[in-house]
Amino acid sequence: MQVTVRDNDVDQALRALKKKMQREGIFREMKMRRSYEKPSERRAREKSEAIRRARKLERKRAEREGR
């Protein structure tokens, strides 16, 4: 990941970097890796995330169709 600093404006570059990291999900992953996650907990979390994504996709699809 790369961010260019223009006109010695480091604050703006940091904001851009944080936004990119947030969009990529790096902060969430760092938070999850702070402690050990049991394989059963990992499977349950991934399953719930998949369900959430599917529901969100279905809501967007229904909204586009005008339901």
PDB file of N, CA and C in Angstrom:
ATOM      1  N   MET A   1       0.857  -1.171   0.000  1.00  0.00           N
ATOM      2  CA  MET A   1       0.000   0.000   0.000  1.00  0.00           C
ATOM      3  C   MET A   1       0.901   1.230   0.000  1.00  0.00           C
ATOM      4  N   GLN A   2       0.539   2.204  -0.820  1.00  0.00           N
ATOM      5  CA  GLN A   2       1.393   3.360  -0.982  1.00  0.00           C
ATOM      6  C   GLN A   2       0.565   4.638  -0.972  1.00  0.00           C
ATOM      7  N   VAL A   3       1.091   5.648  -0.286  1.00  0.00           N
ATOM      8  CA  VAL A   3       0.464   6.959  -0.261  1.00  0.00           C
ATOM      9  C   VAL A   3       1.560   7.986  -0.509  1.00  0.00           C
ATOM     10  N   THR A   4       1.317   8.913  -1.412  1.00  0.00           N
ATOM     11  CA  THR A   4       2.322   9.931  -1.688  1.00  0.00           C
ATOM     12  C   THR A   4       2.056  11.165  -0.832  1.00  0.00           C
ATOM     13  N   VAL A   5       3.147  11.771  -0.369  1.00  0.00           N
ATOM     14  CA  VAL A   5       3.063  12.994   0.432  1.00  0.00           C
ATOM     15  C   VAL A   5       3.285  14.165  -0.512  1.00  0.00           C
ATOM     16  N   ARG A   6       2.295  15.041  -0.580  1.00  0.00           N
ATOM     17  CA  ARG A   6       2.404  16.197  -1.470  1.00  0.00           C
ATOM     18  C   ARG A   6       2.593  17.458  -0.651  1.00  0.00           C
ATOM     19  N   ASP A   7       3.498  18.306  -1.068  1.00  0.00           N
ATOM     20  CA  ASP A   7       3.765  19.602  -0.433  1.00  0.00           C
ATOM     21  C   ASP A   7       4.058  19.472   1.064  1.00  0.00           C
ATOM     22  N   ASN A   8       4.774  18.408   1.449  1.00  0.00           N
ATOM     23  CA  ASN A   8       5.141  18.161   2.850  1.00  0.00           C
ATOM     24  C   ASN A   8       3.922  18.118   3.775  1.00  0.00           C
ATOM     25  N   ASP A   9       2.761  17.717   3.254  1.00  0.00           N
ATOM     26  CA  ASP A   9       1.543  17.626   4.052  1.00  0.00           C
ATOM     27  C   ASP A   9       1.372  16.186   4.543  1.00  0.00           C
ATOM     28  N   VAL A  10       2.060  15.880   5.645  1.00  0.00           N
ATOM     29  CA  VAL A  10       2.063  14.529   6.191  1.00  0.00           C
ATOM     30  C   VAL A  10       0.695  14.169   6.771  1.00  0.00           C
ATOM     31  N   ASP A  11       0.011  15.142   7.366  1.00  0.00           N
ATOM     32  CA  ASP A  11      -1.300  14.872   7.968  1.00  0.00           C
ATOM     33  C   ASP A  11      -2.291  14.376   6.928  1.00  0.00           C
ATOM     34  N   GLN A  12      -2.299  15.004   5.776  1.00  0.00           N
ATOM     35  CA  GLN A  12      -3.214  14.588   4.716  1.00  0.00           C
ATOM     36  C   GLN A  12      -2.858  13.184   4.228  1.00  0.00           C
ATOM     37  N   ALA A  13      -1.556  12.903   4.120  1.00  0.00           N
ATOM     38  CA  ALA A  13      -1.115  11.583   3.678  1.00  0.00           C
ATOM     39  C   ALA A  13      -1.516  10.518   4.696  1.00  0.00           C
ATOM     40  N   LEU A  14      -1.408  10.826   5.997  1.00  0.00           N
ATOM     41  CA  LEU A  14      -1.819   9.880   7.030  1.00  0.00           C
ATOM     42  C   LEU A  14      -3.317   9.603   6.960  1.00  0.00           C
ATOM     43  N   ARG A  15      -4.109  10.640   6.738  1.00  0.00           N
ATOM     44  CA  ARG A  15      -5.562  10.451   6.614  1.00  0.00           C
ATOM     45  C   ARG A  15      -5.877   9.542   5.432  1.00  0.00           C
ATOM     46  N   ALA A  16      -5.185   9.767   4.318  1.00  0.00           N
ATOM     47  CA  ALA A  16      -5.405   8.945   3.128  1.00  0.00           C
ATOM     48  C   ALA A  16      -5.011   7.489   3.396  1.00  0.00           C
ATOM     49  N   LEU A  17      -3.885   7.299   4.112  1.00  0.00           N
ATOM     50  CA  LEU A  17      -3.425   5.946   4.438  1.00  0.00           C
ATOM     51  C   LEU A  17      -4.428   5.244   5.339  1.00  0.00           C
ATOM     52  N   LYS A  18      -4.912   5.931   6.356  1.00  0.00           N
ATOM     53  CA  LYS A  18      -5.883   5.338   7.264  1.00  0.00           C
ATOM     54  C   LYS A  18      -7.164   4.965   6.542  1.00  0.00           C
ATOM     55  N   LYS A  19      -7.596   5.804   5.616  1.00  0.00           N
ATOM     56  CA  LYS A  19      -8.812   5.528   4.852  1.00  0.00           C
ATOM     57  C   LYS A  19      -8.625   4.280   3.994  1.00  0.00           C
ATOM     58  N   LYS A  20      -7.442   4.161   3.353  1.00  0.00           N
ATOM     59  CA  LYS A  20      -7.159   2.985   2.534  1.00  0.00           C
ATOM     60  C   LYS A  20      -7.118   1.725   3.384  1.00  0.00           C
ATOM     61  N   MET A  21      -6.485   1.824   4.557  1.00  0.00           N
ATOM     62  CA  MET A  21      -6.391   0.666   5.446  1.00  0.00           C
ATOM     63  C   MET A  21      -7.772   0.255   5.940  1.00  0.00           C
ATOM     64  N   GLN A  22      -8.609   1.238   6.244  1.00  0.00           N
ATOM     65  CA  GLN A  22      -9.968   0.956   6.694  1.00  0.00           C
ATOM     66  C   GLN A  22     -10.748   0.236   5.596  1.00  0.00           C
ATOM     67  N   ARG A  23     -10.617   0.716   4.370  1.00  0.00           N
ATOM     68  CA  ARG A  23     -11.332   0.131   3.244  1.00  0.00           C
ATOM     69  C   ARG A  23     -10.885  -1.302   2.994  1.00  0.00           C
ATOM     70  N   GLU A  24      -9.604  -1.586   3.191  1.00  0.00           N
ATOM     71  CA  GLU A  24      -9.074  -2.926   2.954  1.00  0.00           C
ATOM     72  C   GLU A  24      -9.373  -3.884   4.106  1.00  0.00           C
ATOM     73  N   GLY A  25      -9.774  -3.353   5.259  1.00  0.00           N
ATOM     74  CA  GLY A  25     -10.086  -4.211   6.397  1.00  0.00           C
ATOM     75  C   GLY A  25      -8.874  -4.590   7.222  1.00  0.00           C
ATOM     76  N   ILE A  26      -7.809  -3.828   7.112  1.00  0.00           N
ATOM     77  CA  ILE A  26      -6.572  -4.150   7.830  1.00  0.00           C
ATOM     78  C   ILE A  26      -6.739  -3.934   9.326  1.00  0.00           C
ATOM     79  N   PHE A  27      -7.449  -2.872   9.713  1.00  0.00           N
ATOM     80  CA  PHE A  27      -7.636  -2.602  11.133  1.00  0.00           C
ATOM     81  C   PHE A  27      -8.414  -3.731  11.810  1.00  0.00           C
ATOM     82  N   ARG A  28      -9.467  -4.223  11.137  1.00  0.00           N
ATOM     83  CA  ARG A  28     -10.249  -5.327  11.697  1.00  0.00           C
ATOM     84  C   ARG A  28      -9.388  -6.568  11.869  1.00  0.00           C
ATOM     85  N   GLU A  29      -8.568  -6.845  10.849  1.00  0.00           N
ATOM     86  CA  GLU A  29      -7.723  -8.036  10.905  1.00  0.00           C
ATOM     87  C   GLU A  29      -6.682  -7.920  12.016  1.00  0.00           C
ATOM     88  N   MET A  30      -6.100  -6.736  12.191  1.00  0.00           N
ATOM     89  CA  MET A  30      -5.122  -6.542  13.268  1.00  0.00           C
ATOM     90  C   MET A  30      -5.780  -6.760  14.623  1.00  0.00           C
ATOM     91  N   LYS A  31      -7.004  -6.259  14.783  1.00  0.00           N
ATOM     92  CA  LYS A  31      -7.726  -6.412  16.038  1.00  0.00           C
ATOM     93  C   LYS A  31      -8.010  -7.885  16.312  1.00  0.00           C
ATOM     94  N   MET A  32      -8.381  -8.629  15.266  1.00  0.00           N
ATOM     95  CA  MET A  32      -8.685 -10.049  15.447  1.00  0.00           C
ATOM     96  C   MET A  32      -7.432 -10.849  15.779  1.00  0.00           C
ATOM     97  N   ARG A  33      -6.296 -10.455  15.254  1.00  0.00           N
ATOM     98  CA  ARG A  33      -5.074 -11.221  15.467  1.00  0.00           C
ATOM     99  C   ARG A  33      -4.387 -10.917  16.796  1.00  0.00           C
ATOM    100  N   ARG A  34      -4.924  -9.987  17.565  1.00  0.00           N
ATOM    101  CA  ARG A  34      -4.324  -9.677  18.859  1.00  0.00           C
ATOM    102  C   ARG A  34      -4.384 -10.861  19.808  1.00  0.00           C
ATOM    103  N   SER A  35      -5.437 -11.672  19.681  1.00  0.00           N
ATOM    104  CA  SER A  35      -5.559 -12.825  20.564  1.00  0.00           C
ATOM    105  C   SER A  35      -5.910 -14.042  19.732  1.00  0.00           C
ATOM    106  N   TYR A  36      -5.684 -15.216  20.307  1.00  0.00           N
ATOM    107  CA  TYR A  36      -5.931 -16.467  19.609  1.00  0.00           C
ATOM    108  C   TYR A  36      -7.428 -16.687  19.457  1.00  0.00           C
ATOM    109  N   GLU A  37      -7.803 -17.162  18.290  1.00  0.00           N
ATOM    110  CA  GLU A  37      -9.195 -17.488  18.030  1.00  0.00           C
ATOM    111  C   GLU A  37      -9.292 -18.990  17.769  1.00  0.00           C
ATOM    112  N   LYS A  38     -10.109 -19.666  18.561  1.00  0.00           N
ATOM    113  CA  LYS A  38     -10.256 -21.109  18.402  1.00  0.00           C
ATOM    114  C   LYS A  38     -10.849 -21.404  17.028  1.00  0.00           C
ATOM    115  N   PRO A  39     -10.469 -22.549  16.444  1.00  0.00           N
ATOM    116  CA  PRO A  39     -10.998 -22.893  15.123  1.00  0.00           C
ATOM    117  C   PRO A  39     -12.528 -22.926  15.073  1.00  0.00           C
ATOM    118  N   SER A  40     -13.159 -23.398  16.137  1.00  0.00           N
ATOM    119  CA  SER A  40     -14.632 -23.443  16.146  1.00  0.00           C
ATOM    120  C   SER A  40     -15.203 -22.023  16.159  1.00  0.00           C
ATOM    121  N   GLU A  41     -14.565 -21.106  16.902  1.00  0.00           N
ATOM    122  CA  GLU A  41     -15.008 -19.709  16.923  1.00  0.00           C
ATOM    123  C   GLU A  41     -14.809 -19.068  15.558  1.00  0.00           C
ATOM    124  N   ARG A  42     -13.697 -19.408  14.911  1.00  0.00           N
ATOM    125  CA  ARG A  42     -13.404 -18.862  13.587  1.00  0.00           C
ATOM    126  C   ARG A  42     -14.456 -19.293  12.577  1.00  0.00           C
ATOM    127  N   ARG A  43     -14.820 -20.590  12.603  1.00  0.00           N
ATOM    128  CA  ARG A  43     -15.850 -21.090  11.688  1.00  0.00           C
ATOM    129  C   ARG A  43     -17.178 -20.391  11.937  1.00  0.00           C
ATOM    130  N   ALA A  44     -17.543 -20.230  13.216  1.00  0.00           N
ATOM    131  CA  ALA A  44     -18.812 -19.575  13.547  1.00  0.00           C
ATOM    132  C   ALA A  44     -18.805 -18.122  13.078  1.00  0.00           C
ATOM    133  N   ARG A  45     -17.689 -17.428  13.281  1.00  0.00           N
ATOM    134  CA  ARG A  45     -17.590 -16.029  12.851  1.00  0.00           C
ATOM    135  C   ARG A  45     -17.686 -15.917  11.334  1.00  0.00           C
ATOM    136  N   GLU A  46     -16.954 -16.777  10.625  1.00  0.00           N
ATOM    137  CA  GLU A  46     -16.975 -16.729   9.164  1.00  0.00           C
ATOM    138  C   GLU A  46     -18.367 -17.051   8.628  1.00  0.00           C
ATOM    139  N   LYS A  47     -19.063 -17.987   9.279  1.00  0.00           N
ATOM    140  CA  LYS A  47     -20.420 -18.329   8.842  1.00  0.00           C
ATOM    141  C   LYS A  47     -21.363 -17.150   9.051  1.00  0.00           C
ATOM    142  N   SER A  48     -21.258 -16.490  10.201  1.00  0.00           N
ATOM    143  CA  SER A  48     -22.138 -15.348  10.459  1.00  0.00           C
ATOM    144  C   SER A  48     -21.821 -14.191   9.515  1.00  0.00           C
ATOM    145  N   GLU A  49     -20.538 -13.990   9.192  1.00  0.00           N
ATOM    146  CA  GLU A  49     -20.166 -12.940   8.242  1.00  0.00           C
ATOM    147  C   GLU A  49     -20.724 -13.250   6.861  1.00  0.00           C
ATOM    148  N   ALA A  50     -20.690 -14.518   6.460  1.00  0.00           N
ATOM    149  CA  ALA A  50     -21.218 -14.903   5.152  1.00  0.00           C
ATOM    150  C   ALA A  50     -22.728 -14.665   5.099  1.00  0.00           C
ATOM    151  N   ILE A  51     -23.428 -14.993   6.183  1.00  0.00           N
ATOM    152  CA  ILE A  51     -24.872 -14.765   6.247  1.00  0.00           C
ATOM    153  C   ILE A  51     -25.164 -13.279   6.152  1.00  0.00           C
ATOM    154  N   ARG A  52     -24.387 -12.466   6.869  1.00  0.00           N
ATOM    155  CA  ARG A  52     -24.578 -11.016   6.840  1.00  0.00           C
ATOM    156  C   ARG A  52     -24.359 -10.463   5.434  1.00  0.00           C
ATOM    157  N   ARG A  53     -23.296 -10.929   4.758  1.00  0.00           N
ATOM    158  CA  ARG A  53     -23.030 -10.480   3.388  1.00  0.00           C
ATOM    159  C   ARG A  53     -24.163 -10.874   2.454  1.00  0.00           C
ATOM    160  N   ALA A  54     -24.673 -12.111   2.590  1.00  0.00           N
ATOM    161  CA  ALA A  54     -25.752 -12.582   1.724  1.00  0.00           C
ATOM    162  C   ALA A  54     -27.017 -11.756   1.935  1.00  0.00           C
ATOM    163  N   ARG A  55     -27.340 -11.452   3.190  1.00  0.00           N
ATOM    164  CA  ARG A  55     -28.525 -10.645   3.482  1.00  0.00           C
ATOM    165  C   ARG A  55     -28.387  -9.236   2.903  1.00  0.00           C
ATOM    166  N   LYS A  56     -27.198  -8.676   3.049  1.00  0.00           N
ATOM    167  CA  LYS A  56     -26.963  -7.335   2.520  1.00  0.00           C
ATOM    168  C   LYS A  56     -27.092  -7.331   0.999  1.00  0.00           C
ATOM    169  N   LEU A  57     -26.523  -8.342   0.351  1.00  0.00           N
ATOM    170  CA  LEU A  57     -26.616  -8.450  -1.104  1.00  0.00           C
ATOM    171  C   LEU A  57     -28.069  -8.594  -1.540  1.00  0.00           C
ATOM    172  N   GLU A  58     -28.837  -9.396  -0.816  1.00  0.00           N
ATOM    173  CA  GLU A  58     -30.248  -9.591  -1.145  1.00  0.00           C
ATOM    174  C   GLU A  58     -31.037  -8.297  -0.961  1.00  0.00           C
ATOM    175  N   ARG A  59     -30.737  -7.540   0.099  1.00  0.00           N
ATOM    176  CA  ARG A  59     -31.408  -6.244   0.314  1.00  0.00           C
ATOM    177  C   ARG A  59     -31.120  -5.303  -0.841  1.00  0.00           C
ATOM    178  N   LYS A  60     -29.857  -5.234  -1.260  1.00  0.00           N
ATOM    179  CA  LYS A  60     -29.493  -4.345  -2.368  1.00  0.00           C
ATOM    180  C   LYS A  60     -30.169  -4.782  -3.661  1.00  0.00           C
ATOM    181  N   ARG A  61     -30.215  -6.100  -3.891  1.00  0.00           N
ATOM    182  CA  ARG A  61     -30.861  -6.607  -5.093  1.00  0.00           C
ATOM    183  C   ARG A  61     -32.350  -6.287  -5.087  1.00  0.00           C
ATOM    184  N   ALA A  62     -33.012  -6.449  -3.945  1.00  0.00           N
ATOM    185  CA  ALA A  62     -34.442  -6.161  -3.830  1.00  0.00           C
ATOM    186  C   ALA A  62     -34.682  -4.668  -4.010  1.00  0.00           C
ATOM    187  N   GLU A  63     -33.783  -3.845  -3.486  1.00  0.00           N
ATOM    188  CA  GLU A  63     -33.932  -2.388  -3.618  1.00  0.00           C
ATOM    189  C   GLU A  63     -33.815  -1.973  -5.086  1.00  0.00           C
ATOM    190  N   ARG A  64     -32.905  -2.593  -5.809  1.00  0.00           N
ATOM    191  CA  ARG A  64     -32.745  -2.282  -7.226  1.00  0.00           C
ATOM    192  C   ARG A  64     -33.970  -2.676  -8.043  1.00  0.00           C
ATOM    193  N   GLU A  65     -34.577  -3.797  -7.664  1.00  0.00           N
ATOM    194  CA  GLU A  65     -35.760  -4.272  -8.384  1.00  0.00           C
ATOM    195  C   GLU A  65     -37.003  -3.507  -8.016  1.00  0.00           C
ATOM    196  N   GLY A  66     -36.938  -2.719  -6.952  1.00  0.00           N
ATOM    197  CA  GLY A  66     -38.046  -1.861  -6.570  1.00  0.00           C
ATOM    198  C   GLY A  66     -39.100  -2.550  -5.736  1.00  0.00           C
ATOM    199  N   ARG A  67     -38.706  -3.476  -4.907  1.00  0.00           N
ATOM    200  CA  ARG A  67     -39.670  -4.161  -4.031  1.00  0.00           C
ATOM    201  C   ARG A  67     -40.027  -3.348  -2.844  1.00  0.00           C
TER     202      ARG A  67
END
